[in-house]
Amino acid sequence: MATLQTCVIIFMLFMFFKFSVKLPIIGSLDTPTALSTAFVVFHLVPWLLSLARTYRQQPGPRRFSDPVTCLKILKNQPYDDMLGTNKLPPETSRAIPNQRLVRAFHIDNGFTTNDHAYGRQFNRDAVQRLRGITNRGWRDIGEETYDIASTYFSKWEQAKDAPFEIVIQMMTMKVILLLFWGVTAPSDHAPYGITQEINDRWIRSKSPTESMKIDFSYLKGEFKDLGLDWTDSKGNPLNVLLPAYETLWRVVAHCLIEVAFRPSADAEWLRALETFRRNPSTATFSTIELGQDKVSVEFLVNEALRLYPPTRRIYRHVHYSGQPNPELLAADVEQCHRLTHIWGQDSHRYQPARWISADKGMRDAFMPFGGKPWICPASSGFGPMMIGTLVAAFALIISNEEWELRLQGGPPHNSSQFLDDEMEINSDRHGSRVWELVRRHQ
């Protein structure tokens, strides 16, 4: 189609210049020439402008938010049939944008490798690891998670306030270390050091002007204190810990803000979480509690994953056969999850009840764990269940202690500094940093 269109345009241009250039006034044009001129004016110029918009060089990645195009990008398919096929293997297209993580963390995993065989093996190992964790039973996992949260929060018993982000990061890290490696940290020193180093390196790796620290001795020392010594990139525990930690902590933090601290949060949400915490299972995860909005813990988690996806944008480096140069594409998952024609006019609001009547369009547009063929191994059950387990443990402890959120550094009795229903929470990793937990009776 594109070739035919180009041939027609070339022919019309030929006709235009052959006849009209010799004639000084448009009124003297004969009928074929006038038609050619009209075509050029009304069809060729808009088409050329559209072509220029499509192929002009843009700073940064080219972003797409409609679900069909996002899924094409994730499947290594061209977003436009005119582009031809991607010259790069799928592993390479995914690995190139993630090389910043190699430099920042000295990792070599399924997200960063060009090796097809190694990538598939890493994915199989991840599935087996998750299966081994869940085979212990969600009741044991739930109890261990609640014990960690209770123990950690007891340290803040006499405190008037606590940094919300650090509390969630620390508890999430402790749970991951226990479940994935059976490690119980004797103190908070190593988990705290690891979380803060991850945050610092992650943020700096995104800036092209930042020079990354090549020295990994600090991270190696912290892991060595936990009995997780490593020497090369393939043996780095961050190969597993980094995707698990980054998948969990931000979603958990934002979900907690919505279910435990919003003034309009339905009390039934906490009751559903309490039921799940006492008897965590796939059945209680999807059980619908009766209330103003009939929701399950699964709906609470799905809505958090929709509004605050673990990966806001998924990048692919492509070089299509129909283009002279490679380009960087971004499937904008966050924007896809907020399209009003799919999710409604309240798409920017946390509304778990929307999942009661979720239609095919919503389900197709829901991609918090990416898409095939590189969908996250945790997507099938472990990820959502683990988010629900963490939120249930933290929310019930926080609500029992009667904490509330306040903007850090705000006046202690200024109500405008506390979370209300109109405040929108930034979905990036800084979104929870501005908040601190404050006891209501202080």
Protein backbone atom coordinates (compact mmCIF):
# COMPACT_ATOMS: atom_id res chain seq x y z
CA MET A 1 0.00 0.00 0.00
CA ALA A 2 2.75 2.44 0.88
CA THR A 3 4.63 1.65 -2.36
CA LEU A 4 1.49 2.20 -4.47
CA GLN A 5 0.81 5.49 -2.70
CA THR A 6 4.39 6.65 -3.35
CA CYS A 7 4.15 5.77 -7.06
CA VAL A 8 0.88 7.67 -7.45
CA ILE A 9 2.36 10.72 -5.74
CA ILE A 10 5.48 10.65 -7.95
CA PHE A 11 3.27 10.44 -11.03
CA MET A 12 1.13 13.36 -9.84
CA LEU A 13 4.22 15.42 -9.10
CA PHE A 14 5.47 14.72 -12.60
CA MET A 15 2.16 15.82 -14.09
CA PHE A 16 2.15 18.92 -11.90
CA PHE A 17 5.61 20.12 -12.89
CA LYS A 18 5.21 19.15 -16.56
CA PHE A 19 2.12 21.22 -17.09
CA SER A 20 1.60 23.79 -14.39
CA VAL A 21 5.14 25.17 -14.18
CA LYS A 22 4.78 26.49 -17.73
CA LEU A 23 1.48 28.19 -17.01
CA PRO A 24 1.44 31.46 -15.09
CA ILE A 25 -2.14 31.38 -13.83
CA ILE A 26 -4.21 28.57 -12.42
CA GLY A 27 -7.19 29.56 -14.54
CA SER A 28 -5.40 28.52 -17.71
CA LEU A 29 -4.80 24.93 -16.53
CA ASP A 30 -6.50 22.20 -18.48
CA THR A 31 -8.62 19.65 -16.67
CA PRO A 32 -5.96 16.92 -16.07
CA THR A 33 -3.46 19.46 -14.83
CA ALA A 34 -6.00 21.15 -12.56
CA LEU A 35 -6.88 17.79 -11.06
CA SER A 36 -3.21 17.05 -10.50
CA THR A 37 -2.71 20.39 -8.83
CA ALA A 38 -5.73 19.87 -6.59
CA PHE A 39 -4.41 16.46 -5.57
CA VAL A 40 -1.04 17.90 -4.62
CA VAL A 41 -2.58 20.70 -2.57
CA PHE A 42 -5.22 18.71 -0.76
CA HIS A 43 -3.58 15.28 -0.44
CA LEU A 44 0.14 15.33 -0.90
CA VAL A 45 0.97 18.15 1.50
CA PRO A 46 -1.00 16.72 4.48
CA TRP A 47 0.49 13.31 3.77
CA LEU A 48 4.04 14.69 3.73
CA LEU A 49 3.38 16.56 6.99
CA SER A 50 2.06 13.36 8.56
CA LEU A 51 5.11 11.46 7.31
CA ALA A 52 7.40 14.09 8.80
CA ARG A 53 5.64 13.85 12.15
CA THR A 54 5.98 10.07 12.10
CA TYR A 55 9.63 9.83 11.21
CA ARG A 56 11.16 12.99 12.62
CA GLN A 57 13.88 12.49 15.21
CA GLN A 58 12.53 12.98 18.71
CA PRO A 59 14.46 13.50 21.92
CA GLY A 60 14.14 10.45 24.12
CA PRO A 61 12.05 7.37 23.39
CA ARG A 62 8.93 7.32 21.24
CA ARG A 63 6.07 6.59 23.65
CA PHE A 64 2.87 4.67 22.98
CA SER A 65 -0.03 4.22 25.36
CA ASP A 66 -2.77 2.45 23.40
CA PRO A 67 -2.86 -1.20 24.49
CA VAL A 68 -2.70 -2.73 21.00
CA THR A 69 0.51 -0.86 20.13
CA CYS A 70 2.02 -1.48 23.57
CA LEU A 71 1.52 -5.23 23.20
CA LYS A 72 3.03 -5.12 19.70
CA ILE A 73 6.13 -3.44 21.09
CA LEU A 74 6.43 -6.02 23.86
CA LYS A 75 6.03 -8.84 21.32
CA ASN A 76 8.84 -7.38 19.17
CA GLN A 77 6.37 -6.57 16.40
CA PRO A 78 6.41 -3.30 14.39
CA TYR A 79 3.93 -0.72 15.60
CA ASP A 80 3.23 0.14 11.95
CA ASP A 81 3.17 -2.30 9.01
CA MET A 82 5.15 0.21 6.91
CA LEU A 83 8.18 -0.24 9.16
CA GLY A 84 9.06 -3.80 8.26
CA THR A 85 10.51 -6.28 10.74
CA ASN A 86 12.87 -5.63 13.63
CA LYS A 87 16.43 -6.52 12.62
CA LEU A 88 17.40 -7.06 16.26
CA PRO A 89 16.68 -10.29 18.16
CA PRO A 90 14.05 -9.93 20.92
CA GLU A 91 16.67 -10.44 23.64
CA THR A 92 18.83 -7.65 22.23
CA SER A 93 15.91 -5.24 21.91
CA ARG A 94 15.12 -5.77 25.57
CA ALA A 95 18.70 -5.92 26.84
CA ILE A 96 20.00 -2.66 25.34
CA PRO A 97 17.75 -0.30 27.38
CA ASN A 98 18.61 -2.27 30.53
CA GLN A 99 22.38 -1.90 30.22
CA ARG A 100 22.16 1.02 32.65
CA LEU A 101 21.27 -1.57 35.32
CA VAL A 102 24.33 -3.64 34.41
CA ARG A 103 26.53 -0.60 35.00
CA ALA A 104 24.71 0.36 38.19
CA PHE A 105 24.40 -3.05 39.85
CA HIS A 106 26.81 -5.44 38.08
CA ILE A 107 23.95 -7.84 37.29
CA ASP A 108 23.51 -10.40 34.52
CA ASN A 109 19.98 -11.77 34.40
CA GLY A 110 17.11 -12.43 31.99
CA PHE A 111 16.40 -8.71 31.67
CA THR A 112 19.93 -7.71 30.66
CA THR A 113 21.33 -10.62 28.65
CA ASN A 114 21.62 -11.02 24.86
CA ASP A 115 22.01 -14.78 25.30
CA HIS A 116 18.73 -16.48 24.37
CA ALA A 117 19.56 -19.75 26.12
CA TYR A 118 20.70 -18.05 29.33
CA GLY A 119 17.61 -15.81 29.33
CA ARG A 120 15.26 -18.78 29.04
CA GLN A 121 17.15 -20.66 31.75
CA PHE A 122 17.01 -17.66 34.07
CA ASN A 123 13.25 -17.48 33.56
CA ARG A 124 12.82 -21.20 34.27
CA ASP A 125 14.92 -20.89 37.42
CA ALA A 126 12.81 -17.94 38.56
CA VAL A 127 9.61 -19.93 38.07
CA GLN A 128 11.07 -22.83 40.07
CA ARG A 129 12.18 -20.49 42.85
CA LEU A 130 8.73 -18.95 43.14
CA ARG A 131 7.13 -22.38 43.09
CA GLY A 132 9.42 -23.48 45.91
CA ILE A 133 8.38 -20.47 48.00
CA THR A 134 4.65 -20.95 47.46
CA ASN A 135 4.90 -24.69 48.17
CA ARG A 136 5.61 -23.73 51.78
CA GLY A 137 2.02 -22.53 51.93
CA TRP A 138 0.62 -19.03 52.03
CA ARG A 139 -0.34 -19.41 55.69
CA ASP A 140 3.33 -19.75 56.69
CA ILE A 141 4.32 -16.93 54.34
CA GLY A 142 1.60 -14.72 55.81
CA GLU A 143 2.67 -15.41 59.38
CA GLU A 144 6.34 -14.77 58.63
CA THR A 145 5.44 -11.51 56.87
CA TYR A 146 3.24 -10.36 59.76
CA ASP A 147 5.94 -11.24 62.32
CA ILE A 148 8.54 -9.21 60.42
CA ALA A 149 6.20 -6.24 60.15
CA SER A 150 5.23 -6.42 63.83
CA THR A 151 8.83 -6.69 64.99
CA TYR A 152 10.01 -3.86 62.80
CA PHE A 153 7.12 -1.59 63.74
CA SER A 154 7.68 -2.19 67.44
CA LYS A 155 10.87 -0.18 67.04
CA TRP A 156 8.71 2.85 66.32
CA GLU A 157 6.45 2.26 69.32
CA GLN A 158 7.74 5.28 71.23
CA ALA A 159 8.25 7.42 68.15
CA LYS A 160 5.97 10.28 67.25
CA ASP A 161 6.65 9.86 63.54
CA ALA A 162 8.38 7.54 61.09
CA PRO A 163 9.53 7.97 57.46
CA PHE A 164 6.89 6.10 55.50
CA GLU A 165 9.03 5.16 52.51
CA ILE A 166 11.89 3.76 54.59
CA VAL A 167 9.49 1.73 56.76
CA ILE A 168 7.93 0.06 53.71
CA GLN A 169 11.26 -0.50 51.96
CA MET A 170 12.85 -2.06 55.02
CA MET A 171 9.95 -4.42 55.75
CA THR A 172 9.72 -5.46 52.10
CA MET A 173 13.47 -6.11 51.93
CA LYS A 174 13.39 -8.20 55.12
CA VAL A 175 10.53 -10.32 53.77
CA ILE A 176 12.31 -10.91 50.43
CA LEU A 177 15.57 -11.92 52.15
CA LEU A 178 13.69 -14.42 54.31
CA LEU A 179 11.50 -15.93 51.60
CA PHE A 180 14.08 -16.13 48.81
CA TRP A 181 17.22 -17.01 50.78
CA GLY A 182 16.04 -17.95 54.28
CA VAL A 183 18.05 -15.04 55.67
CA THR A 184 16.98 -13.37 58.89
CA ALA A 185 19.01 -10.18 59.22
CA PRO A 186 20.44 -9.88 62.77
CA SER A 187 20.13 -6.10 62.56
CA ASP A 188 18.74 -3.42 60.28
CA HIS A 189 22.17 -2.29 59.13
CA ALA A 190 22.56 -4.48 56.05
CA PRO A 191 18.92 -4.31 54.81
CA TYR A 192 18.91 -0.55 55.26
CA GLY A 193 22.24 -0.15 53.48
CA ILE A 194 21.08 -2.32 50.57
CA THR A 195 17.75 -0.49 50.11
CA GLN A 196 19.37 2.94 50.16
CA GLU A 197 22.16 1.88 47.79
CA ILE A 198 19.56 0.42 45.39
CA ASN A 199 17.58 3.67 45.46
CA ASP A 200 20.64 5.81 44.86
CA ARG A 201 22.02 3.71 42.03
CA TRP A 202 18.60 3.23 40.39
CA ILE A 203 17.92 6.97 40.25
CA ARG A 204 21.41 7.88 39.08
CA SER A 205 21.39 5.18 36.39
CA LYS A 206 18.52 7.00 34.66
CA SER A 207 20.47 10.21 34.27
CA PRO A 208 22.76 10.32 31.22
CA THR A 209 24.89 12.98 32.89
CA GLU A 210 25.52 10.99 36.08
CA SER A 211 28.72 8.99 36.34
CA MET A 212 28.04 5.65 38.01
CA LYS A 213 30.23 4.30 40.76
CA ILE A 214 32.18 1.33 39.42
CA ASP A 215 33.09 0.19 42.93
CA PHE A 216 30.73 -2.52 44.19
CA SER A 217 32.62 -3.22 47.41
CA TYR A 218 29.94 -1.61 49.60
CA LEU A 219 27.12 -3.73 48.16
CA LYS A 220 29.29 -6.86 48.31
CA GLY A 221 30.11 -6.14 51.94
CA GLU A 222 26.45 -5.71 52.91
CA PHE A 223 25.49 -8.98 51.22
CA LYS A 224 28.46 -10.75 52.74
CA ASP A 225 27.20 -9.76 56.20
CA LEU A 226 23.99 -11.61 55.31
CA GLY A 227 25.85 -14.71 54.10
CA LEU A 228 25.21 -13.91 50.43
CA ASP A 229 28.75 -13.55 49.15
CA TRP A 230 29.29 -13.12 45.39
CA THR A 231 32.20 -12.59 43.03
CA ASP A 232 30.82 -12.39 39.48
CA SER A 233 27.74 -10.87 37.83
CA LYS A 234 25.90 -14.18 37.35
CA GLY A 235 26.27 -14.98 41.05
CA ASN A 236 25.04 -11.55 42.14
CA PRO A 237 21.97 -11.93 44.43
CA LEU A 238 20.67 -8.69 42.94
CA ASN A 239 19.85 -10.66 39.78
CA VAL A 240 16.85 -11.98 41.69
CA LEU A 241 16.48 -9.47 44.51
CA LEU A 242 16.32 -6.36 42.34
CA PRO A 243 13.28 -7.35 40.20
CA ALA A 244 11.49 -8.78 43.27
CA TYR A 245 12.13 -5.71 45.42
CA GLU A 246 11.30 -3.21 42.68
CA THR A 247 8.13 -5.10 41.76
CA LEU A 248 6.85 -5.12 45.33
CA TRP A 249 7.76 -2.13 47.47
CA ARG A 250 6.33 0.76 45.43
CA VAL A 251 3.04 -1.02 44.72
CA VAL A 252 2.75 -1.98 48.40
CA ALA A 253 3.48 1.59 49.52
CA HIS A 254 0.92 3.13 47.17
CA CYS A 255 -1.71 0.49 47.92
CA LEU A 256 -1.28 1.16 51.65
CA ILE A 257 -1.77 4.87 51.08
CA GLU A 258 -5.06 4.20 49.30
CA VAL A 259 -6.59 1.53 51.54
CA ALA A 260 -5.35 2.67 54.96
CA PHE A 261 -5.01 6.46 54.80
CA ARG A 262 -7.47 7.94 52.33
CA PRO A 263 -10.38 9.45 54.30
CA SER A 264 -12.80 7.95 51.77
CA ALA A 265 -11.33 4.44 51.99
CA ASP A 266 -14.06 1.87 52.61
CA ALA A 267 -13.82 0.14 56.00
CA GLU A 268 -14.74 -3.08 54.19
CA TRP A 269 -11.36 -2.98 52.47
CA LEU A 270 -9.56 -3.42 55.78
CA ARG A 271 -12.01 -6.17 56.77
CA ALA A 272 -11.23 -8.00 53.53
CA LEU A 273 -7.51 -7.65 54.27
CA GLU A 274 -8.03 -8.93 57.84
CA THR A 275 -9.87 -12.01 56.54
CA PHE A 276 -7.06 -12.65 54.09
CA ARG A 277 -4.35 -12.15 56.72
CA ARG A 278 -5.92 -14.67 59.08
CA ASN A 279 -6.28 -17.26 56.36
CA PRO A 280 -4.15 -16.37 53.33
CA SER A 281 -4.97 -18.51 50.31
CA THR A 282 -5.91 -18.10 46.68
CA ALA A 283 -9.55 -18.58 47.74
CA THR A 284 -9.58 -15.79 50.36
CA PHE A 285 -7.57 -13.61 47.99
CA SER A 286 -10.46 -13.59 45.52
CA THR A 287 -13.32 -13.74 48.06
CA ILE A 288 -15.65 -10.76 47.73
CA GLU A 289 -16.57 -9.03 50.98
CA LEU A 290 -19.99 -7.42 51.21
CA GLY A 291 -20.11 -3.68 51.71
CA GLN A 292 -20.70 -0.44 49.91
CA ASP A 293 -18.44 -1.73 47.15
CA LYS A 294 -18.19 -5.49 46.80
CA VAL A 295 -14.47 -6.01 46.52
CA SER A 296 -11.91 -8.70 47.19
CA VAL A 297 -8.24 -8.37 48.11
CA GLU A 298 -7.55 -9.30 44.49
CA PHE A 299 -9.48 -6.20 43.39
CA LEU A 300 -7.57 -4.03 45.87
CA VAL A 301 -4.27 -5.31 44.48
CA ASN A 302 -5.35 -5.09 40.83
CA GLU A 303 -6.36 -1.47 41.27
CA ALA A 304 -3.01 -0.64 42.88
CA LEU A 305 -1.20 -2.39 40.01
CA ARG A 306 -3.31 -0.45 37.52
CA LEU A 307 -2.80 2.99 39.04
CA TYR A 308 0.78 2.41 40.23
CA PRO A 309 2.35 -0.24 37.94
CA PRO A 310 5.73 -1.62 39.09
CA THR A 311 7.28 -0.59 35.75
CA ARG A 312 5.74 2.61 34.45
CA ARG A 313 7.29 2.31 31.00
CA ILE A 314 8.82 -0.72 29.28
CA TYR A 315 11.54 0.04 26.74
CA ARG A 316 12.65 -1.70 23.57
CA HIS A 317 15.54 -0.75 21.29
CA VAL A 318 14.52 -1.58 17.72
CA HIS A 319 15.85 -1.23 14.20
CA TYR A 320 13.12 -1.80 11.65
CA SER A 321 14.05 -2.86 8.13
CA GLY A 322 12.07 0.04 6.71
CA GLN A 323 13.97 2.66 8.70
CA PRO A 324 17.55 3.88 8.26
CA ASN A 325 18.28 4.22 11.98
CA PRO A 326 17.40 2.36 15.19
CA GLU A 327 15.14 3.97 17.75
CA LEU A 328 14.06 3.55 21.35
CA LEU A 329 10.39 2.74 21.97
CA ALA A 330 8.45 2.89 25.21
CA ALA A 331 5.25 1.05 26.03
CA ASP A 332 3.76 3.57 28.46
CA VAL A 333 2.02 1.18 30.83
CA GLU A 334 1.07 3.92 33.30
CA GLN A 335 -0.74 5.97 30.64
CA CYS A 336 -2.33 2.85 29.16
CA HIS A 337 -3.76 2.09 32.61
CA ARG A 338 -5.29 5.58 32.81
CA LEU A 339 -6.93 5.95 29.40
CA THR A 340 -10.40 7.36 30.09
CA HIS A 341 -12.06 5.65 27.12
CA ILE A 342 -11.08 2.30 28.66
CA TRP A 343 -11.11 2.90 32.41
CA GLY A 344 -13.67 5.70 32.68
CA GLN A 345 -13.54 9.38 33.62
CA ASP A 346 -12.32 8.43 37.11
CA SER A 347 -9.31 6.54 35.72
CA HIS A 348 -6.96 8.62 37.91
CA ARG A 349 -8.80 7.49 41.05
CA TYR A 350 -8.26 4.37 43.14
CA GLN A 351 -11.59 2.55 42.67
CA PRO A 352 -11.29 -1.22 43.31
CA ALA A 353 -14.99 -1.68 42.51
CA ARG A 354 -14.25 -1.08 38.82
CA TRP A 355 -12.95 -4.67 38.72
CA ILE A 356 -16.39 -6.08 39.53
CA SER A 357 -17.48 -5.43 35.96
CA ALA A 358 -14.11 -5.43 34.20
CA ASP A 359 -14.68 -5.99 30.48
CA LYS A 360 -12.39 -7.42 27.82
CA GLY A 361 -11.06 -3.98 26.91
CA MET A 362 -9.92 -3.41 30.49
CA ARG A 363 -8.38 -6.86 30.82
CA ASP A 364 -6.51 -6.48 27.51
CA ALA A 365 -5.19 -3.07 28.58
CA PHE A 366 -4.01 -4.36 31.98
CA MET A 367 -0.29 -5.17 31.75
CA PRO A 368 1.42 -4.41 35.08
CA PHE A 369 3.81 -7.33 34.60
CA GLY A 370 4.58 -6.67 30.95
CA GLY A 371 3.44 -8.89 28.12
CA LYS A 372 4.38 -11.99 26.19
CA PRO A 373 6.90 -13.34 25.48
CA TRP A 374 8.70 -11.65 28.40
CA ILE A 375 5.90 -11.51 30.94
CA CYS A 376 7.14 -11.51 34.54
CA PRO A 377 7.22 -15.01 36.13
CA ALA A 378 5.49 -13.57 39.21
CA SER A 379 2.44 -12.44 37.22
CA SER A 380 0.55 -15.74 37.34
CA GLY A 381 -0.01 -15.74 41.09
CA PHE A 382 2.96 -15.07 43.31
CA GLY A 383 3.24 -11.33 42.59
CA PRO A 384 -0.36 -10.29 43.30
CA MET A 385 -0.61 -12.68 46.27
CA MET A 386 2.64 -11.37 47.76
CA ILE A 387 1.49 -7.77 47.36
CA GLY A 388 -1.78 -8.67 49.10
CA THR A 389 0.11 -10.43 51.89
CA LEU A 390 2.41 -7.46 52.52
CA VAL A 391 -0.41 -4.91 52.35
CA ALA A 392 -2.58 -6.96 54.70
CA ALA A 393 0.20 -7.25 57.29
CA PHE A 394 1.27 -3.61 57.14
CA ALA A 395 -2.22 -2.09 56.89
CA LEU A 396 -3.58 -3.89 59.94
CA ILE A 397 -0.56 -3.03 62.09
CA ILE A 398 -0.64 0.60 61.01
CA SER A 399 -4.40 0.90 61.53
CA ASN A 400 -4.18 -0.73 64.96
CA GLU A 401 -1.52 1.76 65.98
CA GLU A 402 -3.65 4.64 64.65
CA TRP A 403 -1.08 6.21 62.38
CA GLU A 404 -1.81 8.73 59.66
CA LEU A 405 0.19 10.28 56.83
CA ARG A 406 1.54 13.80 56.89
CA LEU A 407 3.75 15.67 54.45
CA GLN A 408 7.30 15.58 55.80
CA GLY A 409 8.27 18.74 57.60
CA GLY A 410 4.70 20.02 57.80
CA PRO A 411 3.23 21.76 60.83
CA PRO A 412 2.03 19.16 63.36
CA HIS A 413 -1.54 20.44 63.63
CA ASN A 414 -2.08 21.80 60.11
CA SER A 415 -4.82 19.67 58.53
CA SER A 416 -3.73 20.70 55.01
CA GLN A 417 -0.52 18.73 55.54
CA PHE A 418 -2.40 15.45 55.91
CA LEU A 419 -3.57 13.17 53.11
CA ASP A 420 -7.05 13.94 51.80
CA ASP A 421 -9.21 12.57 48.99
CA GLU A 422 -8.22 15.22 46.47
CA MET A 423 -4.45 14.72 46.64
CA GLU A 424 -2.99 12.75 43.74
CA ILE A 425 -0.04 10.56 44.69
CA ASN A 426 2.93 10.61 42.35
CA SER A 427 3.32 7.10 40.95
CA ASP A 428 7.11 7.16 40.61
CA ARG A 429 9.57 5.97 43.24
CA HIS A 430 9.50 9.42 44.87
CA GLY A 431 5.72 9.36 45.32
CA SER A 432 5.85 7.98 48.87
CA ARG A 433 9.03 9.81 49.89
CA VAL A 434 7.23 13.02 50.84
CA TRP A 435 5.13 11.30 53.51
CA GLU A 436 5.80 10.39 57.12
CA LEU A 437 3.74 8.33 59.52
CA VAL A 438 2.41 10.33 62.46
CA ARG A 439 0.47 9.04 65.46
CA ARG A 440 -3.00 10.53 65.62
CA HIS A 441 -2.88 11.14 69.37
CA GLN A 442 0.39 13.04 69.24
